[in-house]
Amino acid sequence: MNPLFFTMRALADPGPGYVVWQSDAPDFAGTDAPAPILSNTAVVVSAPFQYGEPSGKLSTSPTPVGLWLFNGDLNDSSGNDFHLTGTPREYTTAAKDRIAGAVLEAAGWTRAYNANLKIAGALTIDVIGVFQNPGTSQFLVSYGKAGELLADNELYAFYITSDLALGLAWEHSAGTGVGVTTSAGVVPVGVPTHLTATRDASGFVALYVDGVDVGTGTATAPTGGDSTSSFLTIGDRSEAPGSSYLTAPGTIFHCVKIQSAESTGTAVKQGYNQALGGFAVGWRKVPGV
């Protein structure tokens, strides 16, 4: 097993028998562990963390259509300048933690029409955040507009259901909604989580939580969606913004990435390892204690 070095941080001391894993420049009080963490060693994880960088750093290969890191603003880091409009409340803890993010409050964030956001074929959406359970459906990312004409069609809508299932939906023909949803209870609440939806050109969907495949299915591929009044929303539903589909207030968004290509399971897992799995934080149980 290869040794993995981490900077560790915990929200609370879990009690006797645990030691804090720190880097050679610890940024909090605690006990230095006697050796590096080995692969497959269990740790108690409390938050994403990458020393000196915003958390949720996802791969940018292939080049994303949009990449929002919520590092104090709503700007797009993909180079396409799809900056969002809205009012986020910046998520901050002690400066030493360097955890970037934005808290959703009373409304989602939007980006006006652009042809590059109009993705009716292969697609991958990644969302890293800390999610809530308000008991209603929550739309994380969507593109479309209100209306039942072919041009108004919603081309992608990534959502969490009221019972914490994960789904990707869209419309074909003139307002005919279809999609794929997992079984209930797959989305954790209150902990940093990486959610991914992929779709190929034929309508085959795979859904992932922290890099693990939690459901697949196929639906009729999307069509239409050509209206120049369509728009992208993050934290809400473009077809009905400001409605009961709003992502739960208090949700922390660390990163959102959209690509006009289908990611494979291997790539999704690698993305999770890069974005969260490699930024482990917390405490390690000392063997025999």
C-alpha atoms as a PDB file:
ATOM      1  CA  MET A   1       0.000   0.000   0.000  1.00  0.00           C
ATOM      2  CA  ASN A   2       1.291   3.457  -0.858  1.00  0.00           C
ATOM      3  CA  PRO A   3       1.516   6.004   1.959  1.00  0.00           C
ATOM      4  CA  LEU A   4      -0.806   8.999   1.562  1.00  0.00           C
ATOM      5  CA  PHE A   5      -0.039  12.265   3.351  1.00  0.00           C
ATOM      6  CA  PHE A   6      -2.910  14.510   4.377  1.00  0.00           C
ATOM      7  CA  THR A   7      -3.537  17.662   6.357  1.00  0.00           C
ATOM      8  CA  MET A   8      -6.290  16.716   8.781  1.00  0.00           C
ATOM      9  CA  ARG A   9      -8.934  18.793  10.494  1.00  0.00           C
ATOM     10  CA  ALA A  10     -11.886  17.784  12.659  1.00  0.00           C
ATOM     11  CA  LEU A  11     -14.998  19.608  13.781  1.00  0.00           C
ATOM     12  CA  ALA A  12     -14.944  17.849  17.149  1.00  0.00           C
ATOM     13  CA  ASP A  13     -12.674  15.456  19.036  1.00  0.00           C
ATOM     14  CA  PRO A  14     -14.310  12.007  18.686  1.00  0.00           C
ATOM     15  CA  GLY A  15     -12.826  10.846  22.005  1.00  0.00           C
ATOM     16  CA  PRO A  16     -10.149   8.518  23.369  1.00  0.00           C
ATOM     17  CA  GLY A  17      -8.318   6.244  20.987  1.00  0.00           C
ATOM     18  CA  TYR A  18      -8.117   8.711  18.088  1.00  0.00           C
ATOM     19  CA  VAL A  19      -5.188  10.803  16.922  1.00  0.00           C
ATOM     20  CA  VAL A  20      -5.147  13.777  14.598  1.00  0.00           C
ATOM     21  CA  TRP A  21      -3.282  13.374  11.324  1.00  0.00           C
ATOM     22  CA  GLN A  22      -1.383  16.543  10.479  1.00  0.00           C
ATOM     23  CA  SER A  23       1.029  17.803   7.884  1.00  0.00           C
ATOM     24  CA  ASP A  24       4.524  19.006   8.716  1.00  0.00           C
ATOM     25  CA  ALA A  25       2.994  22.469   9.192  1.00  0.00           C
ATOM     26  CA  PRO A  26      -0.007  21.802  11.444  1.00  0.00           C
ATOM     27  CA  ASP A  27      -2.645  24.518  11.508  1.00  0.00           C
ATOM     28  CA  PHE A  28      -4.465  23.464  14.668  1.00  0.00           C
ATOM     29  CA  ALA A  29      -3.662  22.005  18.076  1.00  0.00           C
ATOM     30  CA  GLY A  30      -3.537  18.237  18.327  1.00  0.00           C
ATOM     31  CA  THR A  31      -1.376  15.159  18.515  1.00  0.00           C
ATOM     32  CA  ASP A  32       0.881  14.266  15.619  1.00  0.00           C
ATOM     33  CA  ALA A  33       0.297  10.783  14.295  1.00  0.00           C
ATOM     34  CA  PRO A  34       3.380   8.546  14.289  1.00  0.00           C
ATOM     35  CA  ALA A  35       3.289   7.654  10.589  1.00  0.00           C
ATOM     36  CA  PRO A  36       1.607   8.520   7.263  1.00  0.00           C
ATOM     37  CA  ILE A  37      -1.856   7.168   6.579  1.00  0.00           C
ATOM     38  CA  LEU A  38      -1.766   4.030   4.458  1.00  0.00           C
ATOM     39  CA  SER A  39      -4.161   3.332   1.632  1.00  0.00           C
ATOM     40  CA  ASN A  40      -7.450   1.834   2.867  1.00  0.00           C
ATOM     41  CA  THR A  41      -6.909   3.129   6.417  1.00  0.00           C
ATOM     42  CA  ALA A  42     -10.240   4.293   7.828  1.00  0.00           C
ATOM     43  CA  VAL A  43     -10.508   7.915   8.903  1.00  0.00           C
ATOM     44  CA  VAL A  44     -13.400   9.920  10.296  1.00  0.00           C
ATOM     45  CA  VAL A  45     -14.048  12.566   7.627  1.00  0.00           C
ATOM     46  CA  SER A  46     -15.618  15.896   8.542  1.00  0.00           C
ATOM     47  CA  ALA A  47     -15.059  18.332   5.643  1.00  0.00           C
ATOM     48  CA  PRO A  48     -13.284  18.671   2.293  1.00  0.00           C
ATOM     49  CA  PHE A  49      -9.872  20.279   2.613  1.00  0.00           C
ATOM     50  CA  GLN A  50      -6.968  21.094   0.358  1.00  0.00           C
ATOM     51  CA  TYR A  51      -4.254  23.124   2.027  1.00  0.00           C
ATOM     52  CA  GLY A  52      -3.762  26.478   0.348  1.00  0.00           C
ATOM     53  CA  GLU A  53      -6.338  25.902  -2.409  1.00  0.00           C
ATOM     54  CA  PRO A  54     -10.119  26.113  -2.754  1.00  0.00           C
ATOM     55  CA  SER A  55     -11.762  22.778  -2.039  1.00  0.00           C
ATOM     56  CA  GLY A  56     -13.617  20.878  -4.744  1.00  0.00           C
ATOM     57  CA  LYS A  57     -10.878  21.205  -7.328  1.00  0.00           C
ATOM     58  CA  LEU A  58     -12.150  19.105 -10.236  1.00  0.00           C
ATOM     59  CA  SER A  59     -10.242  18.047 -13.313  1.00  0.00           C
ATOM     60  CA  THR A  60     -10.561  20.415 -16.262  1.00  0.00           C
ATOM     61  CA  SER A  61      -9.856  17.781 -18.905  1.00  0.00           C
ATOM     62  CA  PRO A  62     -11.731  17.674 -21.183  1.00  0.00           C
ATOM     63  CA  THR A  63     -12.381  21.410 -21.058  1.00  0.00           C
ATOM     64  CA  PRO A  64     -15.651  22.045 -19.212  1.00  0.00           C
ATOM     65  CA  VAL A  65     -18.452  24.175 -20.575  1.00  0.00           C
ATOM     66  CA  GLY A  66     -18.766  25.781 -17.161  1.00  0.00           C
ATOM     67  CA  LEU A  67     -16.849  25.512 -13.883  1.00  0.00           C
ATOM     68  CA  TRP A  68     -17.961  27.418 -10.800  1.00  0.00           C
ATOM     69  CA  LEU A  69     -15.715  27.169  -7.714  1.00  0.00           C
ATOM     70  CA  PHE A  70     -17.602  29.690  -5.525  1.00  0.00           C
ATOM     71  CA  ASN A  71     -14.358  31.105  -4.231  1.00  0.00           C
ATOM     72  CA  GLY A  72     -15.910  34.338  -2.959  1.00  0.00           C
ATOM     73  CA  ASP A  73     -17.894  34.980  -6.150  1.00  0.00           C
ATOM     74  CA  LEU A  74     -20.179  33.404  -8.791  1.00  0.00           C
ATOM     75  CA  ASN A  75     -17.636  33.513 -11.602  1.00  0.00           C
ATOM     76  CA  ASP A  76     -17.061  30.784 -14.162  1.00  0.00           C
ATOM     77  CA  SER A  77     -13.493  29.430 -14.073  1.00  0.00           C
ATOM     78  CA  SER A  78     -13.773  27.449 -17.328  1.00  0.00           C
ATOM     79  CA  GLY A  79     -12.624  30.367 -19.463  1.00  0.00           C
ATOM     80  CA  ASN A  80     -16.062  30.703 -21.098  1.00  0.00           C
ATOM     81  CA  ASP A  81     -17.116  33.547 -18.790  1.00  0.00           C
ATOM     82  CA  PHE A  82     -20.491  32.063 -17.918  1.00  0.00           C
ATOM     83  CA  HIS A  83     -20.587  34.081 -14.713  1.00  0.00           C
ATOM     84  CA  LEU A  84     -23.752  33.664 -12.665  1.00  0.00           C
ATOM     85  CA  THR A  85     -26.051  36.375 -11.387  1.00  0.00           C
ATOM     86  CA  GLY A  86     -27.566  36.295  -7.931  1.00  0.00           C
ATOM     87  CA  THR A  87     -26.612  36.896  -4.336  1.00  0.00           C
ATOM     88  CA  PRO A  88     -24.683  34.123  -2.593  1.00  0.00           C
ATOM     89  CA  ARG A  89     -23.700  34.228   1.032  1.00  0.00           C
ATOM     90  CA  GLU A  90     -20.057  33.241   1.099  1.00  0.00           C
ATOM     91  CA  TYR A  91     -19.367  30.125   3.135  1.00  0.00           C
ATOM     92  CA  THR A  92     -16.486  30.849   5.471  1.00  0.00           C
ATOM     93  CA  THR A  93     -14.897  29.211   8.457  1.00  0.00           C
ATOM     94  CA  ALA A  94     -11.570  30.147  10.004  1.00  0.00           C
ATOM     95  CA  ALA A  95      -9.241  31.465   7.295  1.00  0.00           C
ATOM     96  CA  LYS A  96      -6.823  28.607   7.919  1.00  0.00           C
ATOM     97  CA  ASP A  97      -9.404  26.106   6.678  1.00  0.00           C
ATOM     98  CA  ARG A  98      -9.470  27.550   3.160  1.00  0.00           C
ATOM     99  CA  ILE A  99     -12.794  25.923   2.332  1.00  0.00           C
ATOM    100  CA  ALA A 100     -14.352  27.820  -0.560  1.00  0.00           C
ATOM    101  CA  GLY A 101     -18.081  27.776  -1.103  1.00  0.00           C
ATOM    102  CA  ALA A 102     -21.323  29.703  -1.330  1.00  0.00           C
ATOM    103  CA  VAL A 103     -24.483  29.209   0.705  1.00  0.00           C
ATOM    104  CA  LEU A 104     -27.794  29.208  -1.136  1.00  0.00           C
ATOM    105  CA  GLU A 105     -30.386  31.366   0.560  1.00  0.00           C
ATOM    106  CA  ALA A 106     -33.670  32.603  -0.929  1.00  0.00           C
ATOM    107  CA  ALA A 107     -33.018  32.173  -4.660  1.00  0.00           C
ATOM    108  CA  GLY A 108     -30.873  30.266  -7.116  1.00  0.00           C
ATOM    109  CA  TRP A 109     -28.189  31.684  -9.395  1.00  0.00           C
ATOM    110  CA  THR A 110     -28.689  32.084 -13.130  1.00  0.00           C
ATOM    111  CA  ARG A 111     -26.867  32.539 -16.418  1.00  0.00           C
ATOM    112  CA  ALA A 112     -28.621  33.838 -19.526  1.00  0.00           C
ATOM    113  CA  TYR A 113     -28.829  31.882 -22.790  1.00  0.00           C
ATOM    114  CA  ASN A 114     -25.682  30.795 -24.566  1.00  0.00           C
ATOM    115  CA  ALA A 115     -25.546  28.173 -27.302  1.00  0.00           C
ATOM    116  CA  ASN A 116     -22.762  26.305 -25.510  1.00  0.00           C
ATOM    117  CA  LEU A 117     -25.014  25.752 -22.494  1.00  0.00           C
ATOM    118  CA  LYS A 118     -27.705  24.215 -24.744  1.00  0.00           C
ATOM    119  CA  ILE A 119     -26.577  20.588 -24.377  1.00  0.00           C
ATOM    120  CA  ALA A 120     -29.010  18.055 -25.829  1.00  0.00           C
ATOM    121  CA  GLY A 121     -26.506  15.232 -26.255  1.00  0.00           C
ATOM    122  CA  ALA A 122     -23.744  13.750 -24.124  1.00  0.00           C
ATOM    123  CA  LEU A 123     -23.434  15.471 -20.775  1.00  0.00           C
ATOM    124  CA  THR A 124     -21.706  15.283 -17.399  1.00  0.00           C
ATOM    125  CA  ILE A 125     -22.674  17.379 -14.375  1.00  0.00           C
ATOM    126  CA  ASP A 126     -20.668  17.376 -11.154  1.00  0.00           C
ATOM    127  CA  VAL A 127     -21.868  19.094  -7.994  1.00  0.00           C
ATOM    128  CA  ILE A 128     -19.856  19.151  -4.780  1.00  0.00           C
ATOM    129  CA  GLY A 129     -21.688  20.463  -1.753  1.00  0.00           C
ATOM    130  CA  VAL A 130     -23.217  19.920   1.646  1.00  0.00           C
ATOM    131  CA  PHE A 131     -26.865  19.074   1.047  1.00  0.00           C
ATOM    132  CA  GLN A 132     -29.968  19.387   3.221  1.00  0.00           C
ATOM    133  CA  ASN A 133     -33.261  17.479   3.463  1.00  0.00           C
ATOM    134  CA  PRO A 134     -36.243  19.839   3.369  1.00  0.00           C
ATOM    135  CA  GLY A 135     -38.631  17.035   2.397  1.00  0.00           C
ATOM    136  CA  THR A 136     -39.227  18.481  -1.081  1.00  0.00           C
ATOM    137  CA  SER A 137     -37.552  18.006  -4.453  1.00  0.00           C
ATOM    138  CA  GLN A 138     -34.459  20.153  -4.982  1.00  0.00           C
ATOM    139  CA  PHE A 139     -33.073  21.095  -8.394  1.00  0.00           C
ATOM    140  CA  LEU A 140     -29.302  21.560  -8.333  1.00  0.00           C
ATOM    141  CA  VAL A 141     -28.566  22.417 -11.983  1.00  0.00           C
ATOM    142  CA  SER A 142     -30.964  22.864 -14.897  1.00  0.00           C
ATOM    143  CA  TYR A 143     -31.282  24.458 -18.309  1.00  0.00           C
ATOM    144  CA  GLY A 144     -34.495  25.461 -20.080  1.00  0.00           C
ATOM    145  CA  LYS A 145     -37.447  27.803 -19.593  1.00  0.00           C
ATOM    146  CA  ALA A 146     -41.139  27.802 -18.745  1.00  0.00           C
ATOM    147  CA  GLY A 147     -43.448  26.706 -21.551  1.00  0.00           C
ATOM    148  CA  GLU A 148     -44.596  23.603 -23.387  1.00  0.00           C
ATOM    149  CA  LEU A 149     -43.275  24.361 -26.860  1.00  0.00           C
ATOM    150  CA  LEU A 150     -40.480  22.282 -28.350  1.00  0.00           C
ATOM    151  CA  ALA A 151     -38.152  25.287 -28.199  1.00  0.00           C
ATOM    152  CA  ASP A 152     -38.870  25.689 -24.478  1.00  0.00           C
ATOM    153  CA  ASN A 153     -37.762  22.190 -23.531  1.00  0.00           C
ATOM    154  CA  GLU A 154     -35.668  21.593 -20.452  1.00  0.00           C
ATOM    155  CA  LEU A 155     -32.496  19.894 -21.727  1.00  0.00           C
ATOM    156  CA  TYR A 156     -31.094  18.823 -18.347  1.00  0.00           C
ATOM    157  CA  ALA A 157     -32.254  18.997 -14.753  1.00  0.00           C
ATOM    158  CA  PHE A 158     -30.098  17.426 -12.031  1.00  0.00           C
ATOM    159  CA  TYR A 159     -32.063  17.038  -8.828  1.00  0.00           C
ATOM    160  CA  ILE A 160     -32.507  15.445  -5.396  1.00  0.00           C
ATOM    161  CA  THR A 161     -35.970  14.108  -4.568  1.00  0.00           C
ATOM    162  CA  SER A 162     -37.887  14.565  -1.326  1.00  0.00           C
ATOM    163  CA  ASP A 163     -36.701  11.124  -0.163  1.00  0.00           C
ATOM    164  CA  LEU A 164     -33.048  11.822  -1.068  1.00  0.00           C
ATOM    165  CA  ALA A 165     -32.927   9.921  -4.352  1.00  0.00           C
ATOM    166  CA  LEU A 166     -30.797  11.409  -7.137  1.00  0.00           C
ATOM    167  CA  GLY A 167     -32.058  12.043 -10.645  1.00  0.00           C
ATOM    168  CA  LEU A 168     -31.431  13.546 -14.068  1.00  0.00           C
ATOM    169  CA  ALA A 169     -34.446  14.609 -16.149  1.00  0.00           C
ATOM    170  CA  TRP A 170     -35.166  16.471 -19.390  1.00  0.00           C
ATOM    171  CA  GLU A 171     -37.859  16.955 -22.048  1.00  0.00           C
ATOM    172  CA  HIS A 172     -38.375  15.738 -25.596  1.00  0.00           C
ATOM    173  CA  SER A 173     -41.069  16.328 -28.226  1.00  0.00           C
ATOM    174  CA  ALA A 174     -43.045  19.311 -26.912  1.00  0.00           C
ATOM    175  CA  GLY A 175     -42.700  19.342 -23.143  1.00  0.00           C
ATOM    176  CA  THR A 176     -42.703  15.574 -22.540  1.00  0.00           C
ATOM    177  CA  GLY A 177     -40.665  14.997 -19.419  1.00  0.00           C
ATOM    178  CA  VAL A 178     -38.516  11.878 -18.912  1.00  0.00           C
ATOM    179  CA  GLY A 179     -35.476  10.919 -16.892  1.00  0.00           C
ATOM    180  CA  VAL A 180     -33.769   8.478 -14.555  1.00  0.00           C
ATOM    181  CA  THR A 181     -33.985   8.450 -10.749  1.00  0.00           C
ATOM    182  CA  THR A 182     -32.188   6.254  -8.205  1.00  0.00           C
ATOM    183  CA  SER A 183     -33.692   4.525  -5.210  1.00  0.00           C
ATOM    184  CA  ALA A 184     -34.378   6.622  -2.100  1.00  0.00           C
ATOM    185  CA  GLY A 185     -31.801   7.601   0.474  1.00  0.00           C
ATOM    186  CA  VAL A 186     -28.635   7.673  -1.644  1.00  0.00           C
ATOM    187  CA  VAL A 187     -27.773  11.348  -0.999  1.00  0.00           C
ATOM    188  CA  PRO A 188     -26.124  12.009   2.392  1.00  0.00           C
ATOM    189  CA  VAL A 189     -27.215  15.040   4.401  1.00  0.00           C
ATOM    190  CA  GLY A 190     -24.964  17.483   6.209  1.00  0.00           C
ATOM    191  CA  VAL A 191     -21.606  16.154   4.969  1.00  0.00           C
ATOM    192  CA  PRO A 192     -19.482  17.142   1.952  1.00  0.00           C
ATOM    193  CA  THR A 193     -20.650  15.021  -0.985  1.00  0.00           C
ATOM    194  CA  HIS A 194     -19.768  14.722  -4.667  1.00  0.00           C
ATOM    195  CA  LEU A 195     -22.794  14.100  -6.932  1.00  0.00           C
ATOM    196  CA  THR A 196     -22.411  13.251 -10.615  1.00  0.00           C
ATOM    197  CA  ALA A 197     -24.842  12.690 -13.489  1.00  0.00           C
ATOM    198  CA  THR A 198     -23.726  11.452 -16.910  1.00  0.00           C
ATOM    199  CA  ARG A 199     -25.758  11.007 -20.102  1.00  0.00           C
ATOM    200  CA  ASP A 200     -24.790   9.731 -23.528  1.00  0.00           C
ATOM    201  CA  ALA A 201     -26.266  10.822 -26.848  1.00  0.00           C
ATOM    202  CA  SER A 202     -28.875   8.029 -26.783  1.00  0.00           C
ATOM    203  CA  GLY A 203     -30.276   8.982 -23.361  1.00  0.00           C
ATOM    204  CA  PHE A 204     -28.427   6.432 -21.203  1.00  0.00           C
ATOM    205  CA  VAL A 205     -27.873   7.894 -17.722  1.00  0.00           C
ATOM    206  CA  ALA A 206     -25.545   6.909 -14.880  1.00  0.00           C
ATOM    207  CA  LEU A 207     -25.737   8.573 -11.461  1.00  0.00           C
ATOM    208  CA  TYR A 208     -22.965   8.610  -8.860  1.00  0.00           C
ATOM    209  CA  VAL A 209     -22.507   9.578  -5.214  1.00  0.00           C
ATOM    210  CA  ASP A 210     -18.885  10.074  -4.134  1.00  0.00           C
ATOM    211  CA  GLY A 211     -17.705   8.228  -7.223  1.00  0.00           C
ATOM    212  CA  VAL A 212     -19.946   5.185  -6.653  1.00  0.00           C
ATOM    213  CA  ASP A 213     -22.562   4.213  -9.247  1.00  0.00           C
ATOM    214  CA  VAL A 214     -25.965   4.416  -7.524  1.00  0.00           C
ATOM    215  CA  GLY A 215     -28.247   3.954 -10.532  1.00  0.00           C
ATOM    216  CA  THR A 216     -28.533   3.755 -14.311  1.00  0.00           C
ATOM    217  CA  GLY A 217     -31.291   3.844 -16.887  1.00  0.00           C
ATOM    218  CA  THR A 218     -32.279   5.015 -20.356  1.00  0.00           C
ATOM    219  CA  ALA A 219     -34.903   7.509 -21.510  1.00  0.00           C
ATOM    220  CA  THR A 220     -35.772   9.107 -24.839  1.00  0.00           C
ATOM    221  CA  ALA A 221     -33.024  11.596 -25.698  1.00  0.00           C
ATOM    222  CA  PRO A 222     -33.852  15.302 -25.339  1.00  0.00           C
ATOM    223  CA  THR A 223     -34.921  17.407 -28.304  1.00  0.00           C
ATOM    224  CA  GLY A 224     -35.653  21.087 -28.867  1.00  0.00           C
ATOM    225  CA  GLY A 225     -34.599  23.594 -26.257  1.00  0.00           C
ATOM    226  CA  ASP A 226     -33.630  26.130 -28.927  1.00  0.00           C
ATOM    227  CA  SER A 227     -35.260  29.194 -27.380  1.00  0.00           C
ATOM    228  CA  THR A 228     -32.841  32.064 -26.843  1.00  0.00           C
ATOM    229  CA  SER A 229     -34.860  32.843 -23.707  1.00  0.00           C
ATOM    230  CA  SER A 230     -33.682  29.598 -22.074  1.00  0.00           C
ATOM    231  CA  PHE A 231     -31.174  29.924 -19.260  1.00  0.00           C
ATOM    232  CA  LEU A 232     -29.038  27.983 -16.814  1.00  0.00           C
ATOM    233  CA  THR A 233     -29.851  27.826 -13.124  1.00  0.00           C
ATOM    234  CA  ILE A 234     -27.799  26.527 -10.220  1.00  0.00           C
ATOM    235  CA  GLY A 235     -29.737  25.946  -7.029  1.00  0.00           C
ATOM    236  CA  ASP A 236     -33.137  26.192  -8.720  1.00  0.00           C
ATOM    237  CA  ARG A 237     -35.187  24.961 -11.690  1.00  0.00           C
ATOM    238  CA  SER A 238     -35.052  26.974 -14.910  1.00  0.00           C
ATOM    239  CA  GLU A 239     -38.555  25.831 -15.876  1.00  0.00           C
ATOM    240  CA  ALA A 240     -40.053  27.222 -12.661  1.00  0.00           C
ATOM    241  CA  PRO A 241     -37.535  29.445 -10.836  1.00  0.00           C
ATOM    242  CA  GLY A 242     -38.380  30.538  -7.317  1.00  0.00           C
ATOM    243  CA  SER A 243     -40.872  27.716  -6.869  1.00  0.00           C
ATOM    244  CA  SER A 244     -40.815  24.723  -4.536  1.00  0.00           C
ATOM    245  CA  TYR A 245     -37.989  23.266  -6.647  1.00  0.00           C
ATOM    246  CA  LEU A 246     -35.414  25.588  -5.087  1.00  0.00           C
ATOM    247  CA  THR A 247     -32.414  23.817  -3.577  1.00  0.00           C
ATOM    248  CA  ALA A 248     -32.824  23.801   0.201  1.00  0.00           C
ATOM    249  CA  PRO A 249     -31.729  27.114   1.726  1.00  0.00           C
ATOM    250  CA  GLY A 250     -28.548  26.550   3.704  1.00  0.00           C
ATOM    251  CA  THR A 251     -27.096  24.182   1.109  1.00  0.00           C
ATOM    252  CA  ILE A 252     -23.385  24.842   0.611  1.00  0.00           C
ATOM    253  CA  PHE A 253     -22.144  24.700  -2.990  1.00  0.00           C
ATOM    254  CA  HIS A 254     -18.394  24.081  -3.230  1.00  0.00           C
ATOM    255  CA  CYS A 255     -18.144  23.402  -6.948  1.00  0.00           C
ATOM    256  CA  VAL A 256     -20.304  22.830 -10.047  1.00  0.00           C
ATOM    257  CA  LYS A 257     -18.921  21.582 -13.367  1.00  0.00           C
ATOM    258  CA  ILE A 258     -20.769  20.977 -16.652  1.00  0.00           C
ATOM    259  CA  GLN A 259     -19.231  19.148 -19.610  1.00  0.00           C
ATOM    260  CA  SER A 260     -20.679  18.385 -23.034  1.00  0.00           C
ATOM    261  CA  ALA A 261     -19.283  14.849 -22.904  1.00  0.00           C
ATOM    262  CA  GLU A 262     -20.167  11.668 -21.058  1.00  0.00           C
ATOM    263  CA  SER A 263     -17.695  10.706 -18.323  1.00  0.00           C
ATOM    264  CA  THR A 264     -17.031   7.011 -17.726  1.00  0.00           C
ATOM    265  CA  GLY A 265     -17.293   5.384 -14.323  1.00  0.00           C
ATOM    266  CA  THR A 266     -13.507   5.339 -14.041  1.00  0.00           C
ATOM    267  CA  ALA A 267     -13.276   9.062 -14.789  1.00  0.00           C
ATOM    268  CA  VAL A 268     -16.040   9.832 -12.291  1.00  0.00           C
ATOM    269  CA  LYS A 269     -14.217   7.880  -9.593  1.00  0.00           C
ATOM    270  CA  GLN A 270     -10.972   9.657 -10.395  1.00  0.00           C
ATOM    271  CA  GLY A 271     -12.795  12.976 -10.225  1.00  0.00           C
ATOM    272  CA  TYR A 272     -14.132  12.117  -6.794  1.00  0.00           C
ATOM    273  CA  ASN A 273     -10.699  11.072  -5.562  1.00  0.00           C
ATOM    274  CA  GLN A 274      -9.275  14.358  -6.799  1.00  0.00           C
ATOM    275  CA  ALA A 275     -12.077  16.551  -5.501  1.00  0.00           C
ATOM    276  CA  LEU A 276     -12.898  14.990  -2.134  1.00  0.00           C
ATOM    277  CA  GLY A 277     -11.371  11.585  -1.609  1.00  0.00           C
ATOM    278  CA  GLY A 278      -7.839  12.951  -1.605  1.00  0.00           C
ATOM    279  CA  PHE A 279      -8.672  15.816   0.707  1.00  0.00           C
ATOM    280  CA  ALA A 280      -9.500  13.622   3.714  1.00  0.00           C
ATOM    281  CA  VAL A 281      -9.742  15.367   7.044  1.00  0.00           C
ATOM    282  CA  GLY A 282     -10.463  14.119  10.518  1.00  0.00           C
ATOM    283  CA  TRP A 283      -9.172  11.552  12.940  1.00  0.00           C
ATOM    284  CA  ARG A 284      -7.710   8.056  12.787  1.00  0.00           C
ATOM    285  CA  LYS A 285      -8.500   5.298  15.277  1.00  0.00           C
ATOM    286  CA  VAL A 286      -5.358   3.972  16.867  1.00  0.00           C
ATOM    287  CA  PRO A 287      -5.240   0.174  16.501  1.00  0.00           C
ATOM    288  CA  GLY A 288      -5.728  -1.647  19.782  1.00  0.00           C
ATOM    289  CA  VAL A 289      -7.019   1.427  21.671  1.00  0.00           C
END
